[in-house]
């Protein structure tokens, strides 16, 4: 399992906002909700839209391309066949850190 990687300070991402961070060769969407910080691959499994550019309302992000929605805490979508690749997040001494999940094999969804 990989280590936690420092990505930004808490002050850089206000509650209700999202941003993209790059860790190694991966683009990660980092979300700050009232429930805390959450991270997922910055790639909608529908057609690859950048989730960090989507609207974040509560714990739900809406893909800016086709308006599919996902729970940022669980990665779940209304269709149980679709979900985001989520990553663990920790906050220590005002710094937000992300631990990457193993990168999954990708197949075209055709949806």
N, C-alpha and C. Protein backbone atom coordinates (compact mmCIF):
# COMPACT_ATOMS: atom_id res chain seq x y z
N UNK A 1 0.84 -1.18 0.00
CA UNK A 1 0.00 0.00 0.00
C UNK A 1 0.89 1.25 0.00
N UNK A 2 0.43 2.27 -0.71
CA UNK A 2 1.24 3.48 -0.82
C UNK A 2 1.11 4.35 0.42
N UNK A 3 2.02 5.30 0.55
CA UNK A 3 2.04 6.20 1.69
C UNK A 3 1.11 7.39 1.45
N UNK A 4 0.79 8.12 2.52
CA UNK A 4 0.02 9.35 2.39
C UNK A 4 0.93 10.43 1.82
N UNK A 5 0.43 11.15 0.83
CA UNK A 5 1.22 12.18 0.14
C UNK A 5 0.58 13.54 0.41
N UNK A 6 1.38 14.49 0.86
CA UNK A 6 0.93 15.84 1.15
C UNK A 6 0.55 16.52 -0.16
N UNK A 7 -0.70 17.06 -0.22
CA UNK A 7 -1.15 17.69 -1.46
C UNK A 7 -1.44 19.18 -1.34
N UNK A 8 -1.93 19.63 -0.17
CA UNK A 8 -2.19 21.06 0.02
C UNK A 8 -2.55 21.35 1.47
N UNK A 9 -2.66 22.63 1.78
CA UNK A 9 -3.07 23.02 3.14
C UNK A 9 -4.59 23.10 3.18
N UNK A 10 -5.15 22.93 4.39
CA UNK A 10 -6.60 23.04 4.54
C UNK A 10 -7.12 24.38 4.04
N UNK A 11 -6.35 25.43 4.24
CA UNK A 11 -6.77 26.78 3.85
C UNK A 11 -6.91 26.94 2.33
N UNK A 12 -6.28 26.08 1.57
CA UNK A 12 -6.32 26.20 0.11
C UNK A 12 -7.62 25.69 -0.51
N UNK A 13 -8.41 24.93 0.25
CA UNK A 13 -9.64 24.37 -0.31
C UNK A 13 -10.80 24.57 0.66
N UNK A 14 -11.58 25.64 0.46
CA UNK A 14 -12.70 25.91 1.36
C UNK A 14 -13.79 24.84 1.26
N UNK A 15 -14.59 24.73 2.30
CA UNK A 15 -15.72 23.79 2.30
C UNK A 15 -16.66 24.10 1.14
N UNK A 16 -17.17 23.04 0.51
CA UNK A 16 -18.07 23.19 -0.63
C UNK A 16 -17.37 23.31 -1.96
N UNK A 17 -16.05 23.15 -1.95
CA UNK A 17 -15.26 23.29 -3.18
C UNK A 17 -14.50 22.01 -3.49
N UNK A 18 -14.04 21.94 -4.74
CA UNK A 18 -13.22 20.82 -5.22
C UNK A 18 -12.04 21.39 -5.99
N UNK A 19 -11.01 20.59 -6.11
CA UNK A 19 -9.87 20.98 -6.94
C UNK A 19 -9.18 19.72 -7.45
N UNK A 20 -8.35 19.91 -8.44
CA UNK A 20 -7.57 18.80 -8.97
C UNK A 20 -6.15 18.89 -8.41
N UNK A 21 -5.63 17.74 -7.96
CA UNK A 21 -4.23 17.65 -7.56
C UNK A 21 -3.61 16.52 -8.37
N UNK A 22 -2.33 16.65 -8.64
CA UNK A 22 -1.62 15.59 -9.37
C UNK A 22 -0.73 14.85 -8.40
N UNK A 23 -0.87 13.56 -8.39
CA UNK A 23 -0.03 12.70 -7.56
C UNK A 23 0.58 11.67 -8.49
N UNK A 24 1.89 11.72 -8.57
CA UNK A 24 2.60 10.89 -9.53
C UNK A 24 2.03 11.18 -10.92
N UNK A 25 1.52 10.20 -11.61
CA UNK A 25 0.99 10.45 -12.96
C UNK A 25 -0.53 10.44 -12.98
N UNK A 26 -1.15 10.61 -11.82
CA UNK A 26 -2.61 10.55 -11.74
C UNK A 26 -3.21 11.89 -11.36
N UNK A 27 -4.34 12.21 -11.97
CA UNK A 27 -5.11 13.40 -11.63
C UNK A 27 -6.17 12.98 -10.62
N UNK A 28 -6.17 13.63 -9.48
CA UNK A 28 -7.07 13.30 -8.38
C UNK A 28 -7.97 14.49 -8.10
N UNK A 29 -9.27 14.23 -7.95
CA UNK A 29 -10.21 15.26 -7.53
C UNK A 29 -10.27 15.23 -6.01
N UNK A 30 -10.04 16.37 -5.40
CA UNK A 30 -10.10 16.50 -3.95
C UNK A 30 -11.32 17.35 -3.62
N UNK A 31 -12.19 16.84 -2.75
CA UNK A 31 -13.44 17.49 -2.39
C UNK A 31 -13.42 17.84 -0.90
N UNK A 32 -13.93 19.03 -0.56
CA UNK A 32 -14.06 19.43 0.83
C UNK A 32 -15.54 19.66 1.10
N UNK A 33 -16.14 18.78 1.88
CA UNK A 33 -17.56 18.90 2.24
C UNK A 33 -17.66 19.18 3.74
N UNK A 34 -18.88 19.35 4.20
CA UNK A 34 -19.09 19.54 5.64
C UNK A 34 -18.66 18.31 6.43
N UNK A 35 -18.62 17.16 5.78
CA UNK A 35 -18.23 15.90 6.44
C UNK A 35 -16.73 15.66 6.39
N UNK A 36 -15.98 16.52 5.68
CA UNK A 36 -14.53 16.37 5.62
C UNK A 36 -14.00 16.42 4.20
N UNK A 37 -12.80 15.87 4.04
CA UNK A 37 -12.13 15.84 2.75
C UNK A 37 -12.25 14.45 2.16
N UNK A 38 -12.47 14.39 0.84
CA UNK A 38 -12.59 13.12 0.13
C UNK A 38 -11.84 13.24 -1.19
N UNK A 39 -11.35 12.11 -1.68
CA UNK A 39 -10.59 12.12 -2.93
C UNK A 39 -11.02 10.96 -3.81
N UNK A 40 -10.98 11.22 -5.12
CA UNK A 40 -11.31 10.20 -6.12
C UNK A 40 -10.51 10.51 -7.38
N UNK A 41 -10.37 9.51 -8.24
CA UNK A 41 -9.77 9.80 -9.54
C UNK A 41 -10.61 10.90 -10.19
N UNK A 42 -9.95 11.85 -10.83
CA UNK A 42 -10.64 12.98 -11.43
C UNK A 42 -11.14 12.61 -12.82
N UNK A 43 -11.93 11.56 -12.86
CA UNK A 43 -12.35 10.98 -14.14
C UNK A 43 -13.72 10.34 -13.96
N UNK A 44 -14.73 10.93 -14.56
CA UNK A 44 -16.06 10.33 -14.51
C UNK A 44 -16.03 9.02 -15.29
N UNK A 45 -16.52 7.93 -14.71
CA UNK A 45 -16.48 6.64 -15.41
C UNK A 45 -17.42 6.58 -16.60
N UNK A 46 -18.27 7.56 -16.77
CA UNK A 46 -19.20 7.58 -17.90
C UNK A 46 -18.46 7.92 -19.19
N UNK A 47 -17.89 9.11 -19.25
CA UNK A 47 -17.18 9.55 -20.46
C UNK A 47 -15.89 10.30 -20.16
N UNK A 48 -15.40 10.22 -18.92
CA UNK A 48 -14.10 10.80 -18.60
C UNK A 48 -14.10 12.27 -18.23
N UNK A 49 -15.25 12.83 -17.92
CA UNK A 49 -15.31 14.24 -17.54
C UNK A 49 -14.52 14.53 -16.28
N UNK A 50 -13.99 15.75 -16.14
CA UNK A 50 -13.21 16.14 -14.97
C UNK A 50 -14.11 16.46 -13.77
N UNK A 51 -14.20 15.55 -12.83
CA UNK A 51 -15.10 15.73 -11.68
C UNK A 51 -14.73 16.93 -10.83
N UNK A 52 -13.46 17.31 -10.80
CA UNK A 52 -13.06 18.48 -10.01
C UNK A 52 -13.67 19.77 -10.54
N UNK A 53 -14.15 19.77 -11.78
CA UNK A 53 -14.82 20.93 -12.37
C UNK A 53 -16.33 20.89 -12.17
N UNK A 54 -16.83 19.80 -11.58
CA UNK A 54 -18.27 19.64 -11.39
C UNK A 54 -18.79 20.41 -10.20
N UNK A 55 -20.11 20.49 -10.11
CA UNK A 55 -20.76 21.13 -8.97
C UNK A 55 -20.75 20.18 -7.79
N UNK A 56 -20.37 20.69 -6.62
CA UNK A 56 -20.35 19.92 -5.38
C UNK A 56 -21.44 20.47 -4.48
N UNK A 57 -22.44 19.64 -4.19
CA UNK A 57 -23.54 20.02 -3.30
C UNK A 57 -23.64 18.95 -2.24
N UNK A 58 -23.37 19.33 -1.00
CA UNK A 58 -23.32 18.34 0.07
C UNK A 58 -22.20 17.35 -0.22
N UNK A 59 -22.54 16.07 -0.26
CA UNK A 59 -21.55 15.04 -0.56
C UNK A 59 -21.66 14.53 -1.99
N UNK A 60 -22.36 15.28 -2.84
CA UNK A 60 -22.60 14.82 -4.20
C UNK A 60 -21.93 15.74 -5.21
N UNK A 61 -21.17 15.13 -6.13
CA UNK A 61 -20.57 15.88 -7.22
C UNK A 61 -21.29 15.51 -8.51
N UNK A 62 -21.50 16.52 -9.35
CA UNK A 62 -22.13 16.33 -10.64
C UNK A 62 -21.09 16.53 -11.73
N UNK A 63 -20.94 15.54 -12.59
CA UNK A 63 -19.99 15.65 -13.70
C UNK A 63 -20.41 16.81 -14.60
N UNK A 64 -19.46 17.68 -14.98
CA UNK A 64 -19.82 18.84 -15.80
C UNK A 64 -20.15 18.49 -17.25
N UNK A 65 -19.84 17.29 -17.70
CA UNK A 65 -20.08 16.95 -19.10
C UNK A 65 -21.49 16.43 -19.35
N UNK A 66 -21.94 15.47 -18.55
CA UNK A 66 -23.25 14.84 -18.82
C UNK A 66 -24.13 14.78 -17.58
N UNK A 67 -23.71 15.44 -16.52
CA UNK A 67 -24.52 15.62 -15.31
C UNK A 67 -24.79 14.34 -14.53
N UNK A 68 -23.92 13.35 -14.65
CA UNK A 68 -24.02 12.17 -13.81
C UNK A 68 -23.55 12.56 -12.42
N UNK A 69 -24.16 12.01 -11.37
CA UNK A 69 -23.81 12.38 -10.00
C UNK A 69 -23.23 11.20 -9.23
N UNK A 70 -22.33 11.53 -8.31
CA UNK A 70 -21.64 10.54 -7.49
C UNK A 70 -21.51 11.05 -6.06
N UNK A 71 -21.58 10.14 -5.11
CA UNK A 71 -21.32 10.45 -3.71
C UNK A 71 -19.80 10.47 -3.54
N UNK A 72 -19.23 11.59 -3.12
CA UNK A 72 -17.78 11.71 -3.04
C UNK A 72 -17.19 10.90 -1.89
N UNK A 73 -18.00 10.58 -0.89
CA UNK A 73 -17.50 9.80 0.24
C UNK A 73 -17.40 8.32 -0.12
N UNK A 74 -18.41 7.80 -0.80
CA UNK A 74 -18.44 6.36 -1.12
C UNK A 74 -18.04 6.05 -2.55
N UNK A 75 -18.13 7.05 -3.43
CA UNK A 75 -17.87 6.85 -4.85
C UNK A 75 -19.07 6.30 -5.60
N UNK A 76 -20.17 6.09 -4.93
CA UNK A 76 -21.33 5.44 -5.55
C UNK A 76 -22.13 6.36 -6.47
N UNK A 77 -22.70 5.72 -7.47
CA UNK A 77 -23.62 6.33 -8.42
C UNK A 77 -24.94 5.58 -8.28
N UNK A 78 -26.04 6.16 -8.76
CA UNK A 78 -27.35 5.49 -8.67
C UNK A 78 -27.33 4.13 -9.36
N UNK A 79 -26.54 3.97 -10.42
CA UNK A 79 -26.38 2.68 -11.09
C UNK A 79 -25.25 1.94 -10.38
N UNK A 80 -25.54 0.84 -9.70
CA UNK A 80 -24.51 0.16 -8.90
C UNK A 80 -23.34 -0.41 -9.71
N UNK A 81 -23.47 -0.43 -11.04
CA UNK A 81 -22.35 -0.89 -11.88
C UNK A 81 -21.27 0.17 -12.03
N UNK A 82 -21.59 1.40 -11.65
CA UNK A 82 -20.66 2.52 -11.81
C UNK A 82 -20.24 3.06 -10.45
N UNK A 83 -18.98 3.35 -10.31
CA UNK A 83 -18.50 4.00 -9.09
C UNK A 83 -17.16 4.66 -9.38
N UNK A 84 -16.82 5.58 -8.52
CA UNK A 84 -15.53 6.26 -8.63
C UNK A 84 -14.46 5.45 -7.92
N UNK A 85 -13.23 5.60 -8.37
CA UNK A 85 -12.09 5.06 -7.63
C UNK A 85 -11.78 6.09 -6.56
N UNK A 86 -11.98 5.71 -5.29
CA UNK A 86 -11.76 6.65 -4.19
C UNK A 86 -10.44 6.37 -3.50
N UNK A 87 -9.95 7.38 -2.79
CA UNK A 87 -8.67 7.32 -2.11
C UNK A 87 -8.84 7.78 -0.67
N UNK A 88 -8.00 7.27 0.21
CA UNK A 88 -8.04 7.69 1.61
C UNK A 88 -7.43 9.08 1.75
N UNK A 89 -8.01 9.85 2.68
CA UNK A 89 -7.52 11.21 2.95
C UNK A 89 -7.31 11.35 4.44
N UNK A 90 -6.22 12.02 4.82
CA UNK A 90 -5.99 12.35 6.22
C UNK A 90 -5.63 13.83 6.30
N UNK A 91 -5.93 14.42 7.44
CA UNK A 91 -5.58 15.82 7.68
C UNK A 91 -4.78 15.85 8.97
N UNK A 92 -3.56 16.36 8.88
CA UNK A 92 -2.66 16.45 10.03
C UNK A 92 -1.96 17.80 10.02
N UNK A 93 -2.02 18.48 11.14
CA UNK A 93 -1.34 19.78 11.28
C UNK A 93 -1.69 20.74 10.16
N UNK A 94 -2.96 20.76 9.75
CA UNK A 94 -3.40 21.68 8.72
C UNK A 94 -3.05 21.29 7.31
N UNK A 95 -2.49 20.09 7.13
CA UNK A 95 -2.11 19.62 5.80
C UNK A 95 -3.01 18.46 5.38
N UNK A 96 -3.44 18.48 4.12
CA UNK A 96 -4.28 17.43 3.57
C UNK A 96 -3.38 16.45 2.82
N UNK A 97 -3.55 15.17 3.14
CA UNK A 97 -2.72 14.12 2.55
C UNK A 97 -3.62 13.05 1.94
N UNK A 98 -3.18 12.49 0.81
CA UNK A 98 -3.95 11.48 0.10
C UNK A 98 -3.12 10.22 -0.05
N UNK A 99 -3.77 9.08 0.19
CA UNK A 99 -3.15 7.77 -0.04
C UNK A 99 -3.85 7.16 -1.25
N UNK A 100 -3.10 6.96 -2.33
CA UNK A 100 -3.68 6.44 -3.56
C UNK A 100 -4.10 4.99 -3.42
N UNK A 101 -5.28 4.70 -3.94
CA UNK A 101 -5.73 3.32 -4.07
C UNK A 101 -5.01 2.73 -5.27
N UNK A 102 -4.99 1.43 -5.34
CA UNK A 102 -4.39 0.77 -6.49
C UNK A 102 -5.16 1.18 -7.73
N UNK A 103 -4.44 1.48 -8.82
CA UNK A 103 -5.10 1.90 -10.05
C UNK A 103 -5.79 0.71 -10.68
N UNK A 104 -7.12 0.84 -10.94
CA UNK A 104 -7.86 -0.28 -11.51
C UNK A 104 -7.60 -0.42 -13.00
N UNK A 105 -7.91 -1.59 -13.52
CA UNK A 105 -7.87 -1.80 -14.95
C UNK A 105 -9.04 -1.03 -15.55
N UNK A 106 -8.85 -0.37 -16.65
CA UNK A 106 -9.92 0.43 -17.26
C UNK A 106 -10.44 -0.25 -18.51
N UNK A 107 -11.75 -0.27 -18.62
CA UNK A 107 -12.42 -0.78 -19.82
C UNK A 107 -13.43 0.27 -20.25
N UNK A 108 -13.71 0.35 -21.53
CA UNK A 108 -14.73 1.28 -22.00
C UNK A 108 -16.09 0.83 -21.50
N UNK A 109 -16.87 1.78 -21.00
CA UNK A 109 -18.18 1.44 -20.44
C UNK A 109 -19.24 1.34 -21.50
N UNK A 110 -19.07 2.08 -22.60
CA UNK A 110 -20.07 2.08 -23.65
C UNK A 110 -21.38 2.73 -23.25
N UNK A 111 -21.43 3.38 -22.11
CA UNK A 111 -22.68 3.98 -21.64
C UNK A 111 -22.79 5.40 -22.12
